[in-house]
N, C-alpha and C. Protein backbone atom coordinates (compact mmCIF):
# COMPACT_ATOMS: atom_id res chain seq x y z
N MET A 1 21.19 3.53 19.09
CA MET A 1 20.51 4.43 18.53
C MET A 1 20.09 4.16 16.78
N PRO A 2 18.89 4.25 16.44
CA PRO A 2 18.53 3.84 15.13
C PRO A 2 19.34 4.38 14.21
N GLN A 3 19.58 3.57 12.83
CA GLN A 3 20.41 4.03 11.77
C GLN A 3 19.61 3.96 10.61
N ARG A 4 19.99 5.05 9.62
CA ARG A 4 19.38 5.03 8.46
C ARG A 4 20.66 5.40 7.42
N LYS A 5 20.71 4.17 6.50
CA LYS A 5 22.10 4.45 5.62
C LYS A 5 23.41 4.56 6.29
N GLY A 6 23.51 4.01 7.09
CA GLY A 6 24.70 4.17 7.76
C GLY A 6 25.05 5.47 8.85
N ARG A 7 23.84 6.30 8.93
CA ARG A 7 23.80 7.27 10.00
C ARG A 7 22.90 7.33 10.84
N ALA A 8 23.32 8.18 12.07
CA ALA A 8 22.00 8.36 12.97
C ALA A 8 20.87 8.90 12.53
N LEU A 9 19.58 8.56 13.03
CA LEU A 9 18.68 9.33 12.72
C LEU A 9 18.49 10.78 13.28
N SER A 10 17.88 11.58 12.43
CA SER A 10 17.86 12.88 13.32
C SER A 10 16.62 12.94 14.32
N ALA A 11 16.56 13.91 15.22
CA ALA A 11 15.53 13.76 16.22
C ALA A 11 14.19 13.76 15.59
N LYS A 12 14.04 14.30 14.60
CA LYS A 12 12.64 14.61 14.00
C LYS A 12 12.33 13.16 13.29
N ASP A 13 13.16 12.41 12.68
CA ASP A 13 13.00 11.21 12.28
C ASP A 13 12.77 9.94 13.28
N ARG A 14 13.61 10.29 14.35
CA ARG A 14 13.16 9.44 15.48
C ARG A 14 11.80 9.76 16.23
N ILE A 15 11.27 10.73 15.99
CA ILE A 15 10.02 11.02 16.52
C ILE A 15 8.95 10.50 15.57
N LEU A 16 9.24 10.62 14.42
CA LEU A 16 8.29 10.09 13.29
C LEU A 16 8.24 8.48 13.29
N ALA A 17 9.53 7.89 13.70
CA ALA A 17 9.81 6.53 13.76
C ALA A 17 8.90 5.84 15.05
N ALA A 18 8.93 6.62 16.21
CA ALA A 18 8.20 6.24 17.46
C ALA A 18 6.92 6.42 16.95
N ALA A 19 6.35 7.55 16.53
CA ALA A 19 4.95 7.43 16.48
C ALA A 19 4.28 6.79 15.43
N GLU A 20 4.92 6.21 14.45
CA GLU A 20 4.74 5.14 13.44
C GLU A 20 4.47 3.95 14.03
N THR A 21 5.39 3.35 15.10
CA THR A 21 5.27 2.26 15.89
C THR A 21 4.07 2.24 16.80
N LEU A 22 4.18 3.52 17.83
CA LEU A 22 3.06 3.33 18.67
C LEU A 22 1.56 3.64 18.22
N PHE A 23 1.36 4.46 17.10
CA PHE A 23 0.28 4.45 16.42
C PHE A 23 -0.53 3.29 16.13
N ALA A 24 0.55 2.36 15.34
CA ALA A 24 0.12 1.25 14.63
C ALA A 24 0.05 0.13 15.70
N VAL A 25 0.61 0.21 16.89
CA VAL A 25 0.27 -0.83 17.88
C VAL A 25 -0.91 -0.40 18.83
N SER A 26 -0.89 1.03 19.18
CA SER A 26 -1.84 1.57 20.31
C SER A 26 -3.13 2.05 19.72
N GLY A 27 -2.85 2.70 18.30
CA GLY A 27 -3.91 3.51 17.90
C GLY A 27 -3.34 5.15 18.17
N PHE A 28 -4.01 5.99 17.24
CA PHE A 28 -3.38 7.48 17.32
C PHE A 28 -4.35 8.08 18.62
N ASP A 29 -5.43 8.02 18.84
CA ASP A 29 -5.84 8.54 20.25
C ASP A 29 -5.68 8.09 21.38
N ALA A 30 -5.10 6.76 21.53
CA ALA A 30 -4.62 6.03 22.88
C ALA A 30 -3.45 6.44 23.05
N THR A 31 -2.38 7.14 22.08
CA THR A 31 -0.97 7.22 22.39
C THR A 31 -0.71 8.60 22.63
N PRO A 32 -0.17 9.17 23.89
CA PRO A 32 0.12 10.58 24.20
C PRO A 32 1.23 11.04 23.56
N THR A 33 1.77 12.08 23.25
CA THR A 33 2.88 12.75 23.08
C THR A 33 3.99 12.52 23.86
N SER A 34 3.71 12.44 25.11
CA SER A 34 4.86 12.07 26.06
C SER A 34 5.26 10.59 25.66
N ARG A 35 4.42 9.70 25.59
CA ARG A 35 5.27 8.35 25.15
C ARG A 35 5.82 8.37 23.85
N ILE A 36 5.57 9.37 22.61
CA ILE A 36 6.36 9.34 21.45
C ILE A 36 7.80 9.74 21.84
N ALA A 37 7.67 10.85 22.88
CA ALA A 37 9.12 11.51 23.11
C ALA A 37 9.98 10.58 23.93
N GLU A 38 9.28 9.76 24.97
CA GLU A 38 10.01 8.94 25.30
C GLU A 38 10.39 7.81 24.49
N VAL A 39 9.96 7.25 23.75
CA VAL A 39 10.59 6.27 22.64
C VAL A 39 11.39 6.77 21.60
N ALA A 40 11.26 8.00 21.38
CA ALA A 40 12.10 8.53 20.40
C ALA A 40 13.35 8.88 21.33
N GLY A 41 13.32 9.18 22.60
CA GLY A 41 14.03 9.46 23.57
C GLY A 41 14.68 11.27 23.04
N VAL A 42 13.78 11.64 23.07
CA VAL A 42 13.78 13.38 23.06
C VAL A 42 13.00 13.82 24.00
N PRO A 43 13.09 15.16 24.37
CA PRO A 43 12.18 15.88 25.31
C PRO A 43 10.96 16.10 24.63
N LYS A 44 9.88 15.88 25.62
CA LYS A 44 8.32 16.36 24.91
C LYS A 44 8.30 17.60 23.81
N ALA A 45 9.10 18.72 24.51
CA ALA A 45 8.79 19.95 23.80
C ALA A 45 9.20 19.80 22.29
N LEU A 46 10.40 18.74 22.23
CA LEU A 46 10.85 18.67 20.77
C LEU A 46 9.98 18.16 19.73
N VAL A 47 9.00 17.21 20.54
CA VAL A 47 8.03 16.77 19.67
C VAL A 47 6.92 18.05 19.28
N HIS A 48 6.65 18.90 20.05
CA HIS A 48 6.02 20.13 19.63
C HIS A 48 6.57 20.93 18.93
N TYR A 49 7.70 20.93 18.96
CA TYR A 49 8.61 21.88 18.30
C TYR A 49 8.31 21.61 16.62
N TYR A 50 8.88 20.40 16.46
CA TYR A 50 8.39 19.88 14.98
C TYR A 50 6.84 19.54 14.42
N PHE A 51 6.10 19.25 15.42
CA PHE A 51 4.58 19.00 15.09
C PHE A 51 4.05 19.68 16.04
N ARG A 52 3.11 20.81 15.84
CA ARG A 52 2.50 21.60 16.83
C ARG A 52 1.58 20.72 17.42
N ARG A 53 0.72 20.05 16.45
CA ARG A 53 -0.50 19.19 16.90
C ARG A 53 -0.21 17.75 16.63
N LYS A 54 -0.65 16.83 17.46
CA LYS A 54 -0.48 15.63 17.09
C LYS A 54 -1.00 14.87 16.09
N PRO A 55 -2.06 15.78 15.30
CA PRO A 55 -2.61 15.34 14.12
C PRO A 55 -1.31 15.87 12.82
N ASP A 56 -0.73 16.55 13.35
CA ASP A 56 0.39 17.05 12.60
C ASP A 56 1.53 15.78 12.26
N LEU A 57 1.46 14.95 13.13
CA LEU A 57 2.43 13.83 13.13
C LEU A 57 1.69 12.68 12.24
N LEU A 58 0.71 12.62 12.21
CA LEU A 58 0.03 11.60 11.39
C LEU A 58 -0.16 12.08 10.22
N ALA A 59 -0.10 13.59 9.92
CA ALA A 59 -0.16 13.90 8.47
C ALA A 59 1.11 13.73 7.98
N ALA A 60 2.29 13.87 8.58
CA ALA A 60 3.60 13.69 8.26
C ALA A 60 3.85 12.06 7.83
N LEU A 61 3.39 11.24 8.84
CA LEU A 61 3.47 9.79 8.24
C LEU A 61 2.89 9.58 7.08
N VAL A 62 1.61 9.85 6.77
CA VAL A 62 0.68 9.92 5.62
C VAL A 62 1.76 9.81 4.33
N GLU A 63 2.47 11.51 4.63
CA GLU A 63 3.35 11.80 3.52
C GLU A 63 4.44 10.79 3.24
N ARG A 64 4.59 10.35 4.15
CA ARG A 64 6.08 9.04 4.02
C ARG A 64 5.77 7.87 3.42
N LEU A 65 4.47 7.84 3.04
CA LEU A 65 4.01 6.52 2.26
C LEU A 65 4.86 6.26 1.16
N PRO A 66 5.54 5.34 1.00
CA PRO A 66 6.30 5.31 0.07
C PRO A 66 5.54 4.89 -1.54
N GLU A 67 6.17 5.69 -2.34
CA GLU A 67 5.70 5.47 -3.92
C GLU A 67 6.40 4.55 -4.55
N HIS A 68 5.77 3.46 -5.19
CA HIS A 68 6.58 2.36 -5.85
C HIS A 68 6.20 2.19 -7.46
N PRO A 69 6.91 2.75 -8.21
CA PRO A 69 6.42 2.66 -9.49
C PRO A 69 6.59 1.25 -9.91
N VAL A 70 5.83 0.57 -10.76
CA VAL A 70 5.93 -0.61 -11.33
C VAL A 70 6.62 -0.57 -12.81
N ASP A 71 7.76 -1.47 -12.97
CA ASP A 71 8.27 -1.36 -14.09
C ASP A 71 7.59 -2.50 -14.99
N LEU A 72 6.79 -1.87 -16.33
CA LEU A 72 5.81 -2.77 -16.73
C LEU A 72 7.01 -3.89 -17.56
N GLU A 73 8.18 -3.43 -17.88
CA GLU A 73 9.12 -4.48 -18.84
C GLU A 73 9.23 -5.46 -17.81
N THR A 74 9.36 -5.65 -16.70
CA THR A 74 9.62 -6.60 -15.86
C THR A 74 8.51 -7.21 -15.35
N VAL A 75 7.26 -6.79 -15.49
CA VAL A 75 6.11 -7.16 -14.97
C VAL A 75 5.29 -8.07 -16.13
N VAL A 76 5.15 -7.23 -17.18
CA VAL A 76 4.48 -7.80 -18.72
C VAL A 76 5.09 -9.03 -19.36
N THR A 77 4.32 -9.94 -19.50
CA THR A 77 4.40 -10.97 -20.32
C THR A 77 3.38 -10.76 -21.55
N PRO A 78 3.83 -10.42 -22.80
CA PRO A 78 2.95 -9.81 -23.70
C PRO A 78 1.97 -11.37 -24.26
N GLY A 79 0.74 -10.87 -24.24
CA GLY A 79 -0.07 -12.03 -24.61
C GLY A 79 -0.68 -13.04 -23.69
N ASP A 80 0.01 -12.66 -22.40
CA ASP A 80 -0.35 -13.64 -21.35
C ASP A 80 -0.90 -12.41 -19.93
N VAL A 81 -2.12 -12.48 -20.12
CA VAL A 81 -2.64 -11.31 -19.00
C VAL A 81 -2.55 -11.92 -17.75
N ALA A 82 -2.72 -13.36 -17.33
CA ALA A 82 -2.82 -13.94 -16.22
C ALA A 82 -1.11 -13.75 -15.40
N ALA A 83 -0.29 -14.34 -16.29
CA ALA A 83 1.20 -14.10 -15.81
C ALA A 83 1.46 -12.98 -15.55
N SER A 84 1.16 -11.72 -16.36
CA SER A 84 1.12 -10.48 -16.33
C SER A 84 0.77 -9.96 -14.90
N LEU A 85 -0.77 -10.23 -14.61
CA LEU A 85 -0.93 -9.82 -13.39
C LEU A 85 -0.49 -10.55 -12.09
N ARG A 86 -0.18 -11.92 -12.31
CA ARG A 86 0.42 -12.55 -10.99
C ARG A 86 1.65 -11.75 -10.80
N ALA A 87 2.60 -11.42 -11.60
CA ALA A 87 3.66 -10.94 -11.60
C ALA A 87 3.56 -9.40 -10.99
N LEU A 88 2.53 -8.59 -11.26
CA LEU A 88 2.33 -7.54 -10.71
C LEU A 88 1.66 -7.51 -9.11
N VAL A 89 1.06 -8.72 -8.74
CA VAL A 89 0.70 -8.96 -7.58
C VAL A 89 1.69 -8.90 -6.70
N ALA A 90 2.69 -9.70 -7.15
CA ALA A 90 4.01 -10.23 -6.45
C ALA A 90 4.73 -9.08 -6.37
N GLU A 91 4.84 -8.01 -7.24
CA GLU A 91 5.57 -6.72 -6.76
C GLU A 91 4.86 -5.90 -5.86
N LEU A 92 3.67 -5.96 -6.07
CA LEU A 92 2.93 -5.04 -5.04
C LEU A 92 2.91 -5.58 -3.79
N ASP A 93 3.00 -6.74 -3.59
CA ASP A 93 2.98 -7.66 -2.29
C ASP A 93 4.42 -7.23 -1.83
N ALA A 94 5.39 -7.34 -2.51
CA ALA A 94 7.01 -6.82 -1.99
C ALA A 94 6.98 -5.67 -1.42
N HIS A 95 6.34 -4.52 -2.28
CA HIS A 95 6.28 -3.08 -1.71
C HIS A 95 5.50 -3.00 -0.31
N HIS A 96 4.36 -3.77 -0.32
CA HIS A 96 3.74 -3.79 0.82
C HIS A 96 4.43 -4.43 2.14
N ASP A 97 5.19 -5.19 2.00
CA ASP A 97 6.21 -5.77 2.88
C ASP A 97 7.14 -4.70 3.26
N ASP A 98 7.34 -3.65 2.46
CA ASP A 98 8.39 -2.91 2.79
C ASP A 98 7.94 -1.71 3.75
N SER A 99 6.37 -1.49 3.95
CA SER A 99 5.94 -0.79 4.71
C SER A 99 4.56 -1.23 5.41
N THR A 100 4.90 -2.20 5.83
CA THR A 100 3.69 -3.26 6.43
C THR A 100 3.15 -2.21 7.72
N LEU A 101 4.16 -1.75 8.78
CA LEU A 101 3.83 -0.91 9.98
C LEU A 101 2.99 0.26 9.53
N LEU A 102 3.29 0.92 8.58
CA LEU A 102 2.79 2.03 8.25
C LEU A 102 1.28 1.79 7.44
N SER A 103 1.50 0.69 6.61
CA SER A 103 0.00 0.40 5.98
C SER A 103 -1.01 -0.20 7.28
N HIS A 104 -0.36 -0.83 8.09
CA HIS A 104 -1.48 -1.04 9.29
C HIS A 104 -1.99 0.30 9.79
N LEU A 105 -1.10 1.27 10.19
CA LEU A 105 -1.52 2.40 10.73
C LEU A 105 -2.67 3.01 9.93
N LEU A 106 -2.55 2.79 8.64
CA LEU A 106 -3.46 3.64 7.56
C LEU A 106 -4.65 3.02 7.70
N TRP A 107 -4.75 1.51 7.49
CA TRP A 107 -6.00 1.10 7.79
C TRP A 107 -6.68 1.45 9.03
N ARG A 108 -5.91 1.44 9.98
CA ARG A 108 -6.43 1.60 11.72
C ARG A 108 -7.00 2.73 11.87
N GLU A 109 -6.57 4.02 11.13
CA GLU A 109 -6.83 5.63 11.32
C GLU A 109 -7.82 5.86 10.33
N ALA A 110 -8.26 4.80 8.98
CA ALA A 110 -8.64 5.42 8.20
C ALA A 110 -10.18 6.31 8.49
N ASP A 111 -10.70 5.39 9.52
CA ASP A 111 -12.19 5.79 9.70
C ASP A 111 -12.62 7.23 10.45
N THR A 112 -11.22 7.69 10.81
CA THR A 112 -11.42 8.79 11.83
C THR A 112 -10.64 9.98 11.18
N HIS A 113 -9.76 9.71 10.35
CA HIS A 113 -8.87 10.75 9.69
C HIS A 113 -8.90 11.05 8.45
N PRO A 114 -9.47 11.98 7.84
CA PRO A 114 -9.63 12.42 6.29
C PRO A 114 -8.07 12.00 5.51
N ALA A 115 -7.15 12.64 6.20
CA ALA A 115 -5.81 12.54 5.40
C ALA A 115 -5.48 10.99 5.29
N VAL A 116 -5.87 10.48 5.93
CA VAL A 116 -5.40 8.90 6.15
C VAL A 116 -6.23 8.29 5.03
N ARG A 117 -7.60 8.62 4.75
CA ARG A 117 -8.69 8.11 4.17
C ARG A 117 -8.36 8.47 2.57
N ASP A 118 -7.80 9.60 2.63
CA ASP A 118 -7.31 10.24 1.36
C ASP A 118 -6.15 9.68 0.70
N ALA A 119 -5.27 9.20 1.54
CA ALA A 119 -3.94 8.34 1.17
C ALA A 119 -4.26 7.01 0.65
N LEU A 120 -5.32 6.36 1.54
CA LEU A 120 -5.59 4.90 1.05
C LEU A 120 -6.49 4.91 -0.27
N HIS A 121 -7.28 6.00 -0.64
CA HIS A 121 -7.83 6.20 -1.94
C HIS A 121 -6.84 6.39 -2.90
N ALA A 122 -5.82 7.32 -2.64
CA ALA A 122 -4.70 7.34 -3.48
C ALA A 122 -3.81 5.84 -3.85
N ARG A 123 -3.80 5.30 -2.72
CA ARG A 123 -3.19 4.15 -3.15
C ARG A 123 -4.05 3.11 -3.67
N PHE A 124 -5.05 3.06 -3.67
CA PHE A 124 -6.13 2.18 -4.68
C PHE A 124 -6.01 2.60 -6.01
N GLY A 125 -6.30 3.99 -6.04
CA GLY A 125 -6.03 4.31 -7.46
C GLY A 125 -4.90 3.99 -8.43
N ARG A 126 -3.61 4.36 -7.50
CA ARG A 126 -2.44 3.82 -7.94
C ARG A 126 -2.41 2.24 -8.28
N THR A 127 -3.02 1.29 -7.58
CA THR A 127 -3.26 0.16 -7.72
C THR A 127 -3.90 -0.32 -9.15
N GLU A 128 -4.82 0.54 -9.09
CA GLU A 128 -5.71 0.37 -10.16
C GLU A 128 -5.16 0.65 -12.00
N GLY A 129 -4.39 1.86 -11.45
CA GLY A 129 -3.84 2.32 -12.70
C GLY A 129 -2.68 1.29 -13.38
N HIS A 130 -1.80 0.64 -12.06
CA HIS A 130 -0.84 -0.16 -12.41
C HIS A 130 -1.53 -1.60 -13.15
N ALA A 131 -2.75 -2.19 -12.56
CA ALA A 131 -3.57 -3.14 -13.22
C ALA A 131 -3.92 -2.77 -14.31
N ARG A 132 -4.33 -1.57 -14.93
CA ARG A 132 -5.10 -1.25 -15.98
C ARG A 132 -3.59 -1.36 -17.22
N ALA A 133 -2.65 -0.71 -16.44
CA ALA A 133 -1.49 -0.54 -17.49
C ALA A 133 -0.68 -1.80 -18.10
N VAL A 134 -0.83 -2.81 -16.79
CA VAL A 134 -0.41 -4.20 -17.14
C VAL A 134 -1.17 -4.95 -18.11
N ILE A 135 -2.56 -4.73 -17.81
CA ILE A 135 -3.46 -5.38 -18.72
C ILE A 135 -3.54 -4.86 -20.36
N THR A 136 -3.39 -3.71 -20.25
CA THR A 136 -3.21 -2.91 -21.69
C THR A 136 -2.03 -3.41 -22.32
N ALA A 137 -0.78 -3.42 -21.62
CA ALA A 137 0.59 -3.99 -22.35
C ALA A 137 0.49 -5.31 -22.71
N ALA A 138 -0.13 -6.25 -21.53
CA ALA A 138 -0.12 -7.78 -21.97
C ALA A 138 -1.02 -8.06 -23.19
N ARG A 139 -2.12 -7.26 -23.29
CA ARG A 139 -3.21 -7.50 -24.47
C ARG A 139 -3.70 -6.08 -24.63
N PRO A 140 -3.10 -5.63 -26.03
CA PRO A 140 -3.26 -4.45 -26.35
C PRO A 140 -4.48 -4.18 -26.93
N ASP A 141 -5.21 -5.30 -27.39
CA ASP A 141 -6.30 -4.96 -28.30
C ASP A 141 -7.70 -5.43 -27.18
N CYS A 142 -7.47 -5.51 -25.92
CA CYS A 142 -8.52 -5.29 -24.82
C CYS A 142 -9.13 -4.02 -24.98
N PRO A 143 -10.66 -4.30 -25.05
CA PRO A 143 -11.35 -2.83 -24.87
C PRO A 143 -10.80 -2.17 -23.77
N ALA A 144 -10.91 -0.86 -23.93
CA ALA A 144 -10.55 0.03 -22.64
C ALA A 144 -11.51 -0.25 -21.62
N ALA A 145 -12.87 -0.31 -21.90
CA ALA A 145 -13.85 -0.51 -20.53
C ALA A 145 -13.67 -2.10 -19.99
N VAL A 146 -13.21 -2.91 -20.83
CA VAL A 146 -13.01 -4.29 -20.22
C VAL A 146 -11.67 -4.14 -19.21
N ALA A 147 -10.60 -3.48 -19.61
CA ALA A 147 -9.42 -3.46 -19.06
C ALA A 147 -10.03 -2.31 -17.45
N GLU A 148 -10.72 -1.33 -17.71
CA GLU A 148 -10.65 -0.73 -16.72
C GLU A 148 -11.66 -1.14 -15.53
N ALA A 149 -12.59 -2.24 -15.94
CA ALA A 149 -13.30 -3.02 -15.09
C ALA A 149 -12.35 -4.26 -14.28
N ALA A 150 -11.58 -4.73 -15.10
CA ALA A 150 -10.82 -5.74 -14.54
C ALA A 150 -9.56 -5.28 -13.72
N ALA A 151 -9.15 -4.19 -13.93
CA ALA A 151 -8.53 -3.38 -13.21
C ALA A 151 -8.95 -2.96 -11.72
N THR A 152 -9.99 -2.63 -11.91
CA THR A 152 -10.66 -2.41 -10.58
C THR A 152 -10.95 -3.64 -9.80
N LEU A 153 -11.05 -4.77 -10.24
CA LEU A 153 -11.41 -5.97 -9.93
C LEU A 153 -10.10 -6.39 -9.16
N VAL A 154 -8.84 -6.07 -9.92
CA VAL A 154 -7.52 -6.47 -9.40
C VAL A 154 -7.34 -5.81 -8.06
N ALA A 155 -7.42 -4.24 -8.29
CA ALA A 155 -7.16 -3.41 -7.10
C ALA A 155 -7.88 -3.85 -5.83
N LEU A 156 -9.20 -4.15 -6.22
CA LEU A 156 -9.92 -4.46 -4.95
C LEU A 156 -9.45 -5.78 -4.30
N ALA A 157 -9.18 -6.67 -5.05
CA ALA A 157 -8.49 -7.84 -4.55
C ALA A 157 -7.25 -7.52 -3.92
N VAL A 158 -6.49 -7.04 -4.35
CA VAL A 158 -5.09 -6.64 -3.65
C VAL A 158 -5.34 -5.84 -2.27
N GLY A 159 -6.29 -4.61 -2.59
CA GLY A 159 -6.46 -4.02 -1.19
C GLY A 159 -7.30 -4.93 -0.12
N TYR A 160 -7.90 -5.74 -0.59
CA TYR A 160 -8.40 -6.46 0.65
C TYR A 160 -7.30 -7.13 1.10
N ARG A 161 -6.69 -7.97 0.61
CA ARG A 161 -5.69 -8.84 0.77
C ARG A 161 -4.51 -8.12 1.87
N HIS A 162 -4.35 -6.72 1.18
CA HIS A 162 -3.21 -5.88 2.12
C HIS A 162 -4.11 -5.27 3.22
N SER A 163 -5.35 -5.30 3.27
CA SER A 163 -5.89 -4.65 4.64
C SER A 163 -5.90 -5.52 5.75
N VAL A 164 -5.93 -6.89 5.18
CA VAL A 164 -6.44 -7.92 6.26
C VAL A 164 -4.78 -8.70 6.49
N ALA A 165 -4.20 -8.10 5.63
CA ALA A 165 -2.51 -8.73 6.24
C ALA A 165 -2.09 -8.72 7.67
N ARG A 166 -2.38 -7.66 8.26
CA ARG A 166 -1.98 -7.41 9.50
C ARG A 166 -2.56 -8.50 10.46
N HIS A 167 -3.69 -9.13 10.32
CA HIS A 167 -4.37 -10.18 11.22
C HIS A 167 -3.61 -11.23 10.75
N HIS A 168 -2.88 -11.60 9.70
CA HIS A 168 -2.31 -13.18 9.44
C HIS A 168 -0.73 -12.97 9.02
N PRO A 169 -0.10 -13.21 10.25
CA PRO A 169 1.41 -13.27 10.22
C PRO A 169 1.99 -13.88 8.94
N ASP A 170 1.07 -14.87 8.65
CA ASP A 170 1.61 -16.12 7.45
C ASP A 170 0.55 -15.50 6.06
N TRP A 171 0.48 -14.14 6.00
CA TRP A 171 -0.62 -13.85 5.24
C TRP A 171 -0.34 -14.18 3.62
N PRO A 172 1.03 -14.08 3.18
CA PRO A 172 1.22 -14.79 1.76
C PRO A 172 0.59 -15.78 1.68
N ALA A 173 1.01 -16.88 2.63
CA ALA A 173 0.66 -18.09 2.32
C ALA A 173 -0.77 -18.29 2.40
N ALA A 174 -1.50 -17.69 3.18
CA ALA A 174 -3.12 -17.75 3.68
C ALA A 174 -3.78 -17.44 2.62
N GLN A 175 -3.33 -16.17 1.69
CA GLN A 175 -4.18 -15.55 0.65
C GLN A 175 -3.48 -15.77 -0.81
N ALA A 176 -2.48 -16.37 -0.75
CA ALA A 176 -1.94 -16.44 -2.45
C ALA A 176 -2.65 -17.60 -3.24
N ASP A 177 -3.30 -18.64 -2.81
CA ASP A 177 -3.96 -19.45 -3.61
C ASP A 177 -5.14 -18.73 -4.10
N ARG A 178 -5.86 -18.15 -3.33
CA ARG A 178 -7.20 -17.30 -3.52
C ARG A 178 -6.94 -16.10 -4.55
N LEU A 179 -5.80 -15.65 -4.22
CA LEU A 179 -5.68 -14.29 -5.21
C LEU A 179 -5.22 -14.78 -6.52
N ALA A 180 -4.59 -15.93 -6.72
CA ALA A 180 -3.98 -16.15 -7.90
C ALA A 180 -5.30 -16.74 -8.71
N ALA A 181 -6.53 -17.47 -8.02
CA ALA A 181 -7.40 -17.75 -8.73
C ALA A 181 -8.25 -16.81 -9.16
N GLU A 182 -8.46 -15.93 -8.47
CA GLU A 182 -9.09 -14.38 -8.93
C GLU A 182 -8.63 -13.86 -9.95
N VAL A 183 -6.97 -14.06 -9.96
CA VAL A 183 -6.41 -13.20 -11.18
C VAL A 183 -6.80 -14.15 -12.36
N GLU A 184 -6.50 -15.56 -12.15
CA GLU A 184 -6.75 -16.47 -13.16
C GLU A 184 -8.31 -16.26 -14.03
N LEU A 185 -9.05 -16.04 -13.20
CA LEU A 185 -10.76 -15.82 -13.65
C LEU A 185 -10.63 -14.44 -14.28
N ILE A 186 -9.85 -13.54 -13.76
CA ILE A 186 -10.25 -12.22 -14.36
C ILE A 186 -9.54 -12.10 -15.84
N ALA A 187 -8.15 -12.94 -15.98
CA ALA A 187 -7.63 -13.09 -17.17
C ALA A 187 -8.40 -13.83 -18.07
N ARG A 188 -9.21 -14.76 -17.92
CA ARG A 188 -10.01 -15.80 -18.44
C ARG A 188 -11.15 -14.69 -19.33
N ALA A 189 -11.63 -13.95 -18.36
CA ALA A 189 -12.83 -13.26 -18.79
C ALA A 189 -12.30 -12.15 -19.95
N ILE A 190 -11.30 -11.52 -19.47
CA ILE A 190 -10.66 -10.72 -20.68
C ILE A 190 -10.40 -11.57 -21.92
N ASN A 191 -9.86 -12.56 -21.97
CA ASN A 191 -9.62 -13.39 -23.02
C ASN A 191 -10.80 -13.78 -23.89
N THR A 192 -11.97 -14.01 -23.06
CA THR A 192 -13.31 -14.39 -23.66
C THR A 192 -13.65 -12.95 -24.76
N PHE A 193 -13.14 -11.73 -24.37
CA PHE A 193 -13.70 -10.69 -25.27
C PHE A 193 -13.21 -10.73 -26.59
N ASP A 194 -13.72 -10.55 -27.69
CA ASP A 194 -13.56 -10.33 -29.05
C ASP A 194 -13.08 -8.83 -29.12
N PRO A 195 -11.72 -8.33 -29.51
CA PRO A 195 -11.63 -6.98 -29.89
C PRO A 195 -12.50 -6.24 -31.13
N LEU A 196 -12.88 -7.12 -31.66
CA LEU A 196 -13.71 -6.53 -33.14
C LEU A 196 -15.12 -6.13 -32.56
N VAL A 197 -15.48 -6.91 -31.32
CA VAL A 197 -17.08 -6.39 -30.83
C VAL A 197 -17.00 -5.25 -30.22
N LYS A 198 -17.65 -4.34 -30.24
CA LYS A 198 -17.72 -3.03 -29.47
C LYS A 198 -18.75 -3.22 -28.54
C-alpha cells in the first residue's frame, strides 16, 4: 500500500493518486471511475462518495498543484542577470520534476477543461512574477517595462520547455543548451538599456 511520510495513504488520497496516474496516461475522458477505484483498491461507490462527478476529481487534482516559492537570496547574483536567470530556471526545473505527472495531466487536459486551463495560466503568471522579481533584484536599475517584457520571454521559454518535457525522457539535456542561450540573449538585451534613458 502506498505510504506518505511514513503512514498509509487514506482512501481519498489513494483515489486521487490513481486518478492522477490514469488521467495522465490515458486521458480524462478515456478513464472510467471503475478503473480508478480498481487501481486505488477501493469500491467504486467510495470514489463517488468523495467525488460526486468525475470532473470533481480533476478539479481536486488541479488544487493539488504544488506552490513553489522562489527564495531570491539563493537565486539572485547581484549585477548578473544571466547567472540569476540560470539559477531561477534550474530551480523551476527542479520544481517541475517534483510534479511531472501532474504537469503532464494539466497540459493534456487544458484544451477541454477550464479549471485546468486556469491552473496553467496561474502557473505561467507565477513564473513570470518570479522572473520579474529576479531581474529586478539582480539589476535594480532595469526599467520596469524592460523587466516586464524580459520576464514574459523567460516565462514563455520555461513554459514551452516544461510543456514538451513529457515527450523527452532526457528533456533537461535536450533543452538545457537552448534555454541557456535564450537566457543569455535576454540578459544581454537587458544590459544594453541605459537606466537614465526613459
